[in-house]
Amino acid sequence: MEADRQAAAERQDVANKQMQPGVAPGGVVYRGSAEADVLSSAFNEARIPDCLHSDGLKFQPTLIFAGLLALPFVAVAKLRGKCN
């Protein structure tokens, strides 16, 4: 009976470790490298933004217009596929 409780507790510990970030399945702890951080930030920068959020015109130049004057450029960016 005691051995069953011990085995159940060990399985629960492994399951809890698998739910934590930075822990691979099986409970092996890994650490990200600097190259992985650079790669993930590059992917985030290359992501196509949503048109209605603050970075919607990231890939669409608005020339000298800002604020409400840049509103027509949102439609242009949508048509060109520069935002979703």
PDB file of N, CA and C in Angstrom:
ATOM      1  N   MET A   1       0.820  -1.184   0.000  1.00  0.00           N
ATOM      2  CA  MET A   1       0.000   0.000   0.000  1.00  0.00           C
ATOM      3  C   MET A   1       0.877   1.266   0.000  1.00  0.00           C
ATOM      4  N   GLU A   2       1.912   1.269   0.824  1.00  0.00           N
ATOM      5  CA  GLU A   2       2.819   2.408   0.910  1.00  0.00           C
ATOM      6  C   GLU A   2       3.589   2.597  -0.403  1.00  0.00           C
ATOM      7  N   ALA A   3       3.961   1.510  -1.048  1.00  0.00           N
ATOM      8  CA  ALA A   3       4.683   1.588  -2.319  1.00  0.00           C
ATOM      9  C   ALA A   3       3.793   2.206  -3.403  1.00  0.00           C
ATOM     10  N   ASP A   4       2.507   1.897  -3.385  1.00  0.00           N
ATOM     11  CA  ASP A   4       1.574   2.482  -4.353  1.00  0.00           C
ATOM     12  C   ASP A   4       1.453   3.991  -4.155  1.00  0.00           C
ATOM     13  N   ARG A   5       1.402   4.432  -2.910  1.00  0.00           N
ATOM     14  CA  ARG A   5       1.323   5.865  -2.625  1.00  0.00           C
ATOM     15  C   ARG A   5       2.592   6.580  -3.083  1.00  0.00           C
ATOM     16  N   GLN A   6       3.731   5.946  -2.840  1.00  0.00           N
ATOM     17  CA  GLN A   6       5.007   6.535  -3.251  1.00  0.00           C
ATOM     18  C   GLN A   6       5.081   6.651  -4.775  1.00  0.00           C
ATOM     19  N   ALA A   7       4.655   5.619  -5.487  1.00  0.00           N
ATOM     20  CA  ALA A   7       4.672   5.637  -6.948  1.00  0.00           C
ATOM     21  C   ALA A   7       3.707   6.692  -7.482  1.00  0.00           C
ATOM     22  N   ALA A   8       2.537   6.834  -6.859  1.00  0.00           N
ATOM     23  CA  ALA A   8       1.568   7.850  -7.284  1.00  0.00           C
ATOM     24  C   ALA A   8       2.126   9.251  -7.049  1.00  0.00           C
ATOM     25  N   ALA A   9       2.825   9.453  -5.933  1.00  0.00           N
ATOM     26  CA  ALA A   9       3.417  10.752  -5.643  1.00  0.00           C
ATOM     27  C   ALA A   9       4.512  11.089  -6.657  1.00  0.00           C
ATOM     28  N   GLU A  10       5.312  10.104  -7.051  1.00  0.00           N
ATOM     29  CA  GLU A  10       6.353  10.333  -8.051  1.00  0.00           C
ATOM     30  C   GLU A  10       5.756  10.672  -9.407  1.00  0.00           C
ATOM     31  N   ARG A  11       4.685   9.986  -9.791  1.00  0.00           N
ATOM     32  CA  ARG A  11       4.021  10.280 -11.064  1.00  0.00           C
ATOM     33  C   ARG A  11       3.440  11.695 -11.046  1.00  0.00           C
ATOM     34  N   GLN A  12       2.893  12.093  -9.905  1.00  0.00           N
ATOM     35  CA  GLN A  12       2.342  13.441  -9.789  1.00  0.00           C
ATOM     36  C   GLN A  12       3.443  14.497  -9.893  1.00  0.00           C
ATOM     37  N   ASP A  13       4.601  14.242  -9.297  1.00  0.00           N
ATOM     38  CA  ASP A  13       5.722  15.167  -9.385  1.00  0.00           C
ATOM     39  C   ASP A  13       6.185  15.331 -10.827  1.00  0.00           C
ATOM     40  N   VAL A  14       6.269  14.222 -11.562  1.00  0.00           N
ATOM     41  CA  VAL A  14       6.677  14.285 -12.967  1.00  0.00           C
ATOM     42  C   VAL A  14       5.642  15.049 -13.770  1.00  0.00           C
ATOM     43  N   ALA A  15       4.360  14.829 -13.504  1.00  0.00           N
ATOM     44  CA  ALA A  15       3.303  15.544 -14.226  1.00  0.00           C
ATOM     45  C   ALA A  15       3.363  17.036 -13.930  1.00  0.00           C
ATOM     46  N   ASN A  16       3.651  17.408 -12.707  1.00  0.00           N
ATOM     47  CA  ASN A  16       3.756  18.825 -12.358  1.00  0.00           C
ATOM     48  C   ASN A  16       4.944  19.476 -13.037  1.00  0.00           C
ATOM     49  N   LYS A  17       6.064  18.754 -13.156  1.00  0.00           N
ATOM     50  CA  LYS A  17       7.240  19.297 -13.834  1.00  0.00           C
ATOM     51  C   LYS A  17       6.978  19.515 -15.314  1.00  0.00           C
ATOM     52  N   GLN A  18       6.165  18.653 -15.922  1.00  0.00           N
ATOM     53  CA  GLN A  18       5.893  18.776 -17.352  1.00  0.00           C
ATOM     54  C   GLN A  18       5.048  20.001 -17.657  1.00  0.00           C
ATOM     55  N   MET A  19       4.312  20.503 -16.692  1.00  0.00           N
ATOM     56  CA  MET A  19       3.461  21.662 -16.909  1.00  0.00           C
ATOM     57  C   MET A  19       4.215  22.979 -16.770  1.00  0.00           C
ATOM     58  N   GLN A  20       5.421  22.973 -16.252  1.00  0.00           N
ATOM     59  CA  GLN A  20       6.180  24.194 -16.042  1.00  0.00           C
ATOM     60  C   GLN A  20       6.912  24.599 -17.314  1.00  0.00           C
ATOM     61  N   PRO A  21       7.016  25.906 -17.575  1.00  0.00           N
ATOM     62  CA  PRO A  21       7.801  26.327 -18.735  1.00  0.00           C
ATOM     63  C   PRO A  21       9.282  26.071 -18.494  1.00  0.00           C
ATOM     64  N   GLY A  22       9.993  25.685 -19.534  1.00  0.00           N
ATOM     65  CA  GLY A  22      11.417  25.401 -19.413  1.00  0.00           C
ATOM     66  C   GLY A  22      11.699  23.983 -19.001  1.00  0.00           C
ATOM     67  N   VAL A  23      10.664  23.134 -18.969  1.00  0.00           N
ATOM     68  CA  VAL A  23      10.851  21.741 -18.593  1.00  0.00           C
ATOM     69  C   VAL A  23      10.301  20.882 -19.717  1.00  0.00           C
ATOM     70  N   ALA A  24      11.146  20.047 -20.274  1.00  0.00           N
ATOM     71  CA  ALA A  24      10.735  19.162 -21.361  1.00  0.00           C
ATOM     72  C   ALA A  24       9.934  18.000 -20.790  1.00  0.00           C
ATOM     73  N   PRO A  25       9.116  17.332 -21.625  1.00  0.00           N
ATOM     74  CA  PRO A  25       8.409  16.149 -21.153  1.00  0.00           C
ATOM     75  C   PRO A  25       9.391  15.121 -20.609  1.00  0.00           C
ATOM     76  N   GLY A  26       9.053  14.551 -19.485  1.00  0.00           N
ATOM     77  CA  GLY A  26       9.946  13.621 -18.822  1.00  0.00           C
ATOM     78  C   GLY A  26      10.675  14.277 -17.667  1.00  0.00           C
ATOM     79  N   GLY A  27      10.464  15.572 -17.483  1.00  0.00           N
ATOM     80  CA  GLY A  27      11.050  16.263 -16.344  1.00  0.00           C
ATOM     81  C   GLY A  27      12.459  16.766 -16.559  1.00  0.00           C
ATOM     82  N   VAL A  28      12.947  16.766 -17.798  1.00  0.00           N
ATOM     83  CA  VAL A  28      14.299  17.242 -18.068  1.00  0.00           C
ATOM     84  C   VAL A  28      14.252  18.765 -18.198  1.00  0.00           C
ATOM     85  N   VAL A  29      15.022  19.449 -17.391  1.00  0.00           N
ATOM     86  CA  VAL A  29      15.050  20.907 -17.416  1.00  0.00           C
ATOM     87  C   VAL A  29      15.995  21.360 -18.523  1.00  0.00           C
ATOM     88  N   TYR A  30      15.554  22.288 -19.328  1.00  0.00           N
ATOM     89  CA  TYR A  30      16.401  22.834 -20.377  1.00  0.00           C
ATOM     90  C   TYR A  30      16.462  24.347 -20.233  1.00  0.00           C
ATOM     91  N   ARG A  31      17.476  24.924 -20.783  1.00  0.00           N
ATOM     92  CA  ARG A  31      17.639  26.374 -20.750  1.00  0.00           C
ATOM     93  C   ARG A  31      17.799  26.859 -22.191  1.00  0.00           C
ATOM     94  N   GLY A  32      17.144  27.960 -22.514  1.00  0.00           N
ATOM     95  CA  GLY A  32      17.259  28.522 -23.853  1.00  0.00           C
ATOM     96  C   GLY A  32      18.601  29.204 -24.024  1.00  0.00           C
ATOM     97  N   SER A  33      19.103  29.152 -25.216  1.00  0.00           N
ATOM     98  CA  SER A  33      20.382  29.805 -25.501  1.00  0.00           C
ATOM     99  C   SER A  33      20.125  31.184 -26.095  1.00  0.00           C
ATOM    100  N   ALA A  34      21.169  31.936 -26.250  1.00  0.00           N
ATOM    101  CA  ALA A  34      21.046  33.272 -26.821  1.00  0.00           C
ATOM    102  C   ALA A  34      20.578  33.196 -28.275  1.00  0.00           C
ATOM    103  N   GLU A  35      21.022  32.156 -29.001  1.00  0.00           N
ATOM    104  CA  GLU A  35      20.589  32.001 -30.386  1.00  0.00           C
ATOM    105  C   GLU A  35      19.091  31.764 -30.468  1.00  0.00           C
ATOM    106  N   ALA A  36      18.551  31.009 -29.519  1.00  0.00           N
ATOM    107  CA  ALA A  36      17.114  30.747 -29.510  1.00  0.00           C
ATOM    108  C   ALA A  36      16.334  32.022 -29.226  1.00  0.00           C
ATOM    109  N   ASP A  37      16.852  32.874 -28.350  1.00  0.00           N
ATOM    110  CA  ASP A  37      16.197  34.145 -28.065  1.00  0.00           C
ATOM    111  C   ASP A  37      16.216  35.057 -29.284  1.00  0.00           C
ATOM    112  N   VAL A  38      17.329  35.076 -29.996  1.00  0.00           N
ATOM    113  CA  VAL A  38      17.440  35.904 -31.198  1.00  0.00           C
ATOM    114  C   VAL A  38      16.480  35.393 -32.268  1.00  0.00           C
ATOM    115  N   LEU A  39      16.402  34.091 -32.419  1.00  0.00           N
ATOM    116  CA  LEU A  39      15.524  33.504 -33.427  1.00  0.00           C
ATOM    117  C   LEU A  39      14.058  33.777 -33.111  1.00  0.00           C
ATOM    118  N   SER A  40      13.668  33.635 -31.847  1.00  0.00           N
ATOM    119  CA  SER A  40      12.271  33.884 -31.496  1.00  0.00           C
ATOM    120  C   SER A  40      11.911  35.357 -31.654  1.00  0.00           C
ATOM    121  N   SER A  41      12.833  36.260 -31.354  1.00  0.00           N
ATOM    122  CA  SER A  41      12.526  37.678 -31.553  1.00  0.00           C
ATOM    123  C   SER A  41      12.454  38.007 -33.042  1.00  0.00           C
ATOM    124  N   ALA A  42      13.258  37.341 -33.862  1.00  0.00           N
ATOM    125  CA  ALA A  42      13.185  37.558 -35.309  1.00  0.00           C
ATOM    126  C   ALA A  42      11.848  37.083 -35.868  1.00  0.00           C
ATOM    127  N   PHE A  43      11.346  35.966 -35.370  1.00  0.00           N
ATOM    128  CA  PHE A  43      10.037  35.486 -35.808  1.00  0.00           C
ATOM    129  C   PHE A  43       8.935  36.443 -35.378  1.00  0.00           C
ATOM    130  N   ASN A  44       9.037  36.991 -34.180  1.00  0.00           N
ATOM    131  CA  ASN A  44       8.025  37.939 -33.720  1.00  0.00           C
ATOM    132  C   ASN A  44       8.040  39.218 -34.544  1.00  0.00           C
ATOM    133  N   GLU A  45       9.210  39.675 -34.965  1.00  0.00           N
ATOM    134  CA  GLU A  45       9.305  40.869 -35.794  1.00  0.00           C
ATOM    135  C   GLU A  45       8.760  40.628 -37.193  1.00  0.00           C
ATOM    136  N   ALA A  46       8.904  39.430 -37.713  1.00  0.00           N
ATOM    137  CA  ALA A  46       8.470  39.121 -39.072  1.00  0.00           C
ATOM    138  C   ALA A  46       6.982  38.795 -39.158  1.00  0.00           C
ATOM    139  N   ARG A  47       6.342  38.621 -38.025  1.00  0.00           N
ATOM    140  CA  ARG A  47       4.920  38.268 -37.995  1.00  0.00           C
ATOM    141  C   ARG A  47       4.101  39.402 -38.603  1.00  0.00           C
ATOM    142  N   ILE A  48       3.113  39.050 -39.413  1.00  0.00           N
ATOM    143  CA  ILE A  48       2.240  40.047 -40.028  1.00  0.00           C
ATOM    144  C   ILE A  48       1.269  40.544 -38.962  1.00  0.00           C
ATOM    145  N   PRO A  49       1.242  41.865 -38.719  1.00  0.00           N
ATOM    146  CA  PRO A  49       0.407  42.400 -37.638  1.00  0.00           C
ATOM    147  C   PRO A  49      -1.064  42.472 -38.019  1.00  0.00           C
ATOM    148  N   ASP A  50      -1.897  42.661 -37.014  1.00  0.00           N
ATOM    149  CA  ASP A  50      -3.319  42.871 -37.217  1.00  0.00           C
ATOM    150  C   ASP A  50      -3.528  44.333 -37.637  1.00  0.00           C
ATOM    151  N   CYS A  51      -4.409  44.569 -38.583  1.00  0.00           N
ATOM    152  CA  CYS A  51      -4.589  45.926 -39.119  1.00  0.00           C
ATOM    153  C   CYS A  51      -5.111  46.913 -38.079  1.00  0.00           C
ATOM    154  N   LEU A  52      -5.903  46.463 -37.145  1.00  0.00           N
ATOM    155  CA  LEU A  52      -6.547  47.378 -36.213  1.00  0.00           C
ATOM    156  C   LEU A  52      -5.788  47.550 -34.904  1.00  0.00           C
ATOM    157  N   HIS A  53      -4.599  47.003 -34.799  1.00  0.00           N
ATOM    158  CA  HIS A  53      -3.791  47.197 -33.599  1.00  0.00           C
ATOM    159  C   HIS A  53      -2.740  48.279 -33.836  1.00  0.00           C
ATOM    160  N   SER A  54      -1.998  48.595 -32.807  1.00  0.00           N
ATOM    161  CA  SER A  54      -1.060  49.725 -32.883  1.00  0.00           C
ATOM    162  C   SER A  54       0.055  49.512 -33.908  1.00  0.00           C
ATOM    163  N   ASP A  55       0.423  48.263 -34.171  1.00  0.00           N
ATOM    164  CA  ASP A  55       1.495  48.007 -35.136  1.00  0.00           C
ATOM    165  C   ASP A  55       0.952  47.608 -36.506  1.00  0.00           C
ATOM    166  N   GLY A  56      -0.276  47.981 -36.815  1.00  0.00           N
ATOM    167  CA  GLY A  56      -0.906  47.599 -38.079  1.00  0.00           C
ATOM    168  C   GLY A  56      -0.228  48.169 -39.312  1.00  0.00           C
ATOM    169  N   LEU A  57       0.398  49.309 -39.165  1.00  0.00           N
ATOM    170  CA  LEU A  57       1.066  49.938 -40.300  1.00  0.00           C
ATOM    171  C   LEU A  57       2.576  49.764 -40.246  1.00  0.00           C
ATOM    172  N   LYS A  58       3.012  48.678 -39.620  1.00  0.00           N
ATOM    173  CA  LYS A  58       4.448  48.443 -39.455  1.00  0.00           C
ATOM    174  C   LYS A  58       5.149  48.270 -40.806  1.00  0.00           C
ATOM    175  N   PHE A  59       4.497  47.615 -41.746  1.00  0.00           N
ATOM    176  CA  PHE A  59       5.105  47.345 -43.047  1.00  0.00           C
ATOM    177  C   PHE A  59       4.542  48.241 -44.161  1.00  0.00           C
ATOM    178  N   GLN A  60       3.683  49.181 -43.812  1.00  0.00           N
ATOM    179  CA  GLN A  60       3.083  50.085 -44.795  1.00  0.00           C
ATOM    180  C   GLN A  60       3.515  51.509 -44.477  1.00  0.00           C
ATOM    181  N   PRO A  61       4.330  52.139 -45.342  1.00  0.00           N
ATOM    182  CA  PRO A  61       4.746  53.513 -45.062  1.00  0.00           C
ATOM    183  C   PRO A  61       3.564  54.471 -45.205  1.00  0.00           C
ATOM    184  N   THR A  62       3.487  55.440 -44.295  1.00  0.00           N
ATOM    185  CA  THR A  62       2.412  56.429 -44.336  1.00  0.00           C
ATOM    186  C   THR A  62       2.923  57.800 -44.747  1.00  0.00           C
ATOM    187  N   LEU A  63       4.149  57.834 -45.230  1.00  0.00           N
ATOM    188  CA  LEU A  63       4.791  59.076 -45.655  1.00  0.00           C
ATOM    189  C   LEU A  63       4.857  60.042 -44.476  1.00  0.00           C
ATOM    190  N   ILE A  64       4.214  61.183 -44.572  1.00  0.00           N
ATOM    191  CA  ILE A  64       4.289  62.165 -43.490  1.00  0.00           C
ATOM    192  C   ILE A  64       3.009  62.214 -42.666  1.00  0.00           C
ATOM    193  N   PHE A  65       2.049  61.348 -42.968  1.00  0.00           N
ATOM    194  CA  PHE A  65       0.755  61.390 -42.299  1.00  0.00           C
ATOM    195  C   PHE A  65       0.791  60.587 -41.012  1.00  0.00           C
ATOM    196  N   ALA A  66       0.065  61.078 -40.014  1.00  0.00           N
ATOM    197  CA  ALA A  66      -0.025  60.390 -38.734  1.00  0.00           C
ATOM    198  C   ALA A  66      -1.433  60.563 -38.179  1.00  0.00           C
ATOM    199  N   GLY A  67      -1.779  59.760 -37.223  1.00  0.00           N
ATOM    200  CA  GLY A  67      -3.085  59.874 -36.575  1.00  0.00           C
ATOM    201  C   GLY A  67      -4.213  59.516 -37.516  1.00  0.00           C
ATOM    202  N   LEU A  68      -5.248  60.360 -37.535  1.00  0.00           N
ATOM    203  CA  LEU A  68      -6.415  60.089 -38.378  1.00  0.00           C
ATOM    204  C   LEU A  68      -6.111  60.261 -39.862  1.00  0.00           C
ATOM    205  N   LEU A  69      -5.108  61.041 -40.187  1.00  0.00           N
ATOM    206  CA  LEU A  69      -4.746  61.208 -41.595  1.00  0.00           C
ATOM    207  C   LEU A  69      -4.148  59.930 -42.183  1.00  0.00           C
ATOM    208  N   ALA A  70      -3.651  59.047 -41.330  1.00  0.00           N
ATOM    209  CA  ALA A  70      -3.077  57.783 -41.801  1.00  0.00           C
ATOM    210  C   ALA A  70      -4.132  56.690 -41.937  1.00  0.00           C
ATOM    211  N   LEU A  71      -5.372  56.990 -41.608  1.00  0.00           N
ATOM    212  CA  LEU A  71      -6.438  55.980 -41.654  1.00  0.00           C
ATOM    213  C   LEU A  71      -6.624  55.357 -43.040  1.00  0.00           C
ATOM    214  N   PRO A  72      -6.573  56.119 -44.134  1.00  0.00           N
ATOM    215  CA  PRO A  72      -6.693  55.469 -45.451  1.00  0.00           C
ATOM    216  C   PRO A  72      -5.579  54.461 -45.735  1.00  0.00           C
ATOM    217  N   PHE A  73      -4.430  54.646 -45.104  1.00  0.00           N
ATOM    218  CA  PHE A  73      -3.327  53.723 -45.326  1.00  0.00           C
ATOM    219  C   PHE A  73      -3.594  52.353 -44.708  1.00  0.00           C
ATOM    220  N   VAL A  74      -4.488  52.282 -43.736  1.00  0.00           N
ATOM    221  CA  VAL A  74      -4.867  50.984 -43.161  1.00  0.00           C
ATOM    222  C   VAL A  74      -5.578  50.148 -44.222  1.00  0.00           C
ATOM    223  N   ALA A  75      -6.484  50.779 -44.971  1.00  0.00           N
ATOM    224  CA  ALA A  75      -7.166  50.053 -46.050  1.00  0.00           C
ATOM    225  C   ALA A  75      -6.189  49.629 -47.134  1.00  0.00           C
ATOM    226  N   VAL A  76      -5.232  50.492 -47.457  1.00  0.00           N
ATOM    227  CA  VAL A  76      -4.218  50.150 -48.459  1.00  0.00           C
ATOM    228  C   VAL A  76      -3.369  48.984 -47.982  1.00  0.00           C
ATOM    229  N   ALA A  77      -2.995  49.009 -46.712  1.00  0.00           N
ATOM    230  CA  ALA A  77      -2.195  47.917 -46.161  1.00  0.00           C
ATOM    231  C   ALA A  77      -2.963  46.606 -46.184  1.00  0.00           C
ATOM    232  N   LYS A  78      -4.253  46.653 -45.904  1.00  0.00           N
ATOM    233  CA  LYS A  78      -5.086  45.445 -45.940  1.00  0.00           C
ATOM    234  C   LYS A  78      -5.153  44.888 -47.354  1.00  0.00           C
ATOM    235  N   LEU A  79      -5.345  45.770 -48.338  1.00  0.00           N
ATOM    236  CA  LEU A  79      -5.445  45.317 -49.724  1.00  0.00           C
ATOM    237  C   LEU A  79      -4.117  44.752 -50.236  1.00  0.00           C
ATOM    238  N   ARG A  80      -3.019  45.316 -49.786  1.00  0.00           N
ATOM    239  CA  ARG A  80      -1.700  44.836 -50.209  1.00  0.00           C
ATOM    240  C   ARG A  80      -1.225  43.615 -49.433  1.00  0.00           C
ATOM    241  N   GLY A  81      -1.932  43.256 -48.378  1.00  0.00           N
ATOM    242  CA  GLY A  81      -1.535  42.084 -47.589  1.00  0.00           C
ATOM    243  C   GLY A  81      -0.453  42.379 -46.567  1.00  0.00           C
ATOM    244  N   LYS A  82      -0.276  43.644 -46.228  1.00  0.00           N
ATOM    245  CA  LYS A  82       0.751  44.033 -45.256  1.00  0.00           C
ATOM    246  C   LYS A  82       0.273  43.819 -43.824  1.00  0.00           C
ATOM    247  N   CYS A  83      -1.024  43.596 -43.624  1.00  0.00           N
ATOM    248  CA  CYS A  83      -1.575  43.321 -42.302  1.00  0.00           C
ATOM    249  C   CYS A  83      -2.777  42.390 -42.478  1.00  0.00           C
ATOM    250  N   ASN A  84      -3.159  41.774 -41.379  1.00  0.00           N
ATOM    251  CA  ASN A  84      -4.311  40.844 -41.415  1.00  0.00           C
ATOM    252  C   ASN A  84      -5.572  41.534 -40.986  1.00  0.00           C
TER     253      ASN A  84
END
